[in-house]
Amino acid sequence: MAKKIYKVLNMDCASCALLIEAELEDAGIACKCSYAKQILEVEGEHDEKKVHEAVQKAGYELALT
C-alpha cells in the first residue's frame, strides 16, 4: 500500500494530531498524525487537495514538498 508523508506546521500538542486525524477520517482518508514527529502519514491512494483542505479545516497547514 502506498504511503505519503507530509510535514505539518503549527501543531502544539497531541490533541492537534488527533483533530487532524479526525478531519481526514471524516473525509474518508486513512492516516496517522504524529505530534512528536510533526508529520502526517496518509495511506493508500488519495486526493492531495482533499488532504490539504481537511488539514486547513482543522486549523493547520502542510509544508510544501
Protein backbone atom coordinates (compact mmCIF):
# COMPACT_ATOMS: atom_id res chain seq x y z
CA MET A 1 0.00 0.00 0.00
CA ALA A 2 1.37 3.43 -0.95
CA LYS A 3 2.08 5.92 1.82
CA LYS A 4 2.80 9.66 1.58
CA ILE A 5 4.33 11.68 4.39
CA TYR A 6 3.53 15.37 4.87
CA LYS A 7 5.18 17.86 7.26
CA VAL A 8 2.54 19.55 9.44
CA LEU A 9 3.01 23.13 10.64
CA ASN A 10 1.63 24.77 13.79
CA MET A 11 0.80 21.67 15.86
CA ASP A 12 1.13 22.44 19.59
CA CYS A 13 0.17 19.16 21.25
CA ALA A 14 -1.02 15.59 20.75
CA SER A 15 -4.63 16.79 20.62
CA CYS A 16 -3.77 18.73 17.45
CA ALA A 17 -2.72 15.47 15.79
CA LEU A 18 -5.97 13.79 16.86
CA LEU A 19 -8.01 16.66 15.44
CA ILE A 20 -6.22 16.35 12.08
CA GLU A 21 -6.79 12.58 12.06
CA ALA A 22 -10.49 13.11 12.78
CA GLU A 23 -10.92 15.61 9.93
CA LEU A 24 -9.21 13.29 7.47
CA GLU A 25 -11.22 10.30 8.70
CA ASP A 26 -14.41 12.32 8.09
CA ALA A 27 -13.15 12.91 4.53
CA GLY A 28 -12.63 9.15 4.09
CA ILE A 29 -8.82 9.31 4.13
CA ALA A 30 -6.83 6.80 6.23
CA CYS A 31 -3.94 8.43 8.08
CA LYS A 32 -1.75 8.67 11.17
CA CYS A 33 -0.62 12.00 12.53
CA SER A 34 2.31 12.38 14.94
CA TYR A 35 2.75 15.49 17.06
CA ALA A 36 6.19 14.30 18.22
CA LYS A 37 7.45 13.97 14.64
CA GLN A 38 5.29 16.83 13.25
CA ILE A 39 4.22 14.63 10.35
CA LEU A 40 1.10 13.23 8.74
CA GLU A 41 1.23 9.80 7.08
CA VAL A 42 -1.54 9.21 4.56
CA GLU A 43 -2.08 5.61 3.46
CA GLY A 44 -3.29 4.41 0.08
CA GLU A 45 -4.38 6.36 -2.95
CA HIS A 46 -5.76 9.77 -2.04
CA ASP A 47 -6.53 13.21 -3.43
CA GLU A 48 -3.82 15.58 -2.19
CA LYS A 49 -6.17 18.54 -2.50
CA LYS A 50 -8.63 16.84 -0.11
CA VAL A 51 -5.79 16.21 2.36
CA HIS A 52 -4.75 19.88 2.30
CA GLU A 53 -8.37 21.04 2.65
CA ALA A 54 -9.05 18.75 5.62
CA VAL A 55 -5.86 19.85 7.40
CA GLN A 56 -6.72 23.51 6.79
CA LYS A 57 -10.26 22.91 8.08
CA ALA A 58 -8.70 21.61 11.30
CA GLY A 59 -6.69 24.85 11.54
CA TYR A 60 -3.26 23.67 10.42
CA GLU A 61 -1.04 23.83 7.34
CA LEU A 62 1.05 21.33 5.44
CA ALA A 63 4.56 22.31 4.38
CA LEU A 64 5.13 22.44 0.64
CA THR A 65 7.02 19.37 -0.57
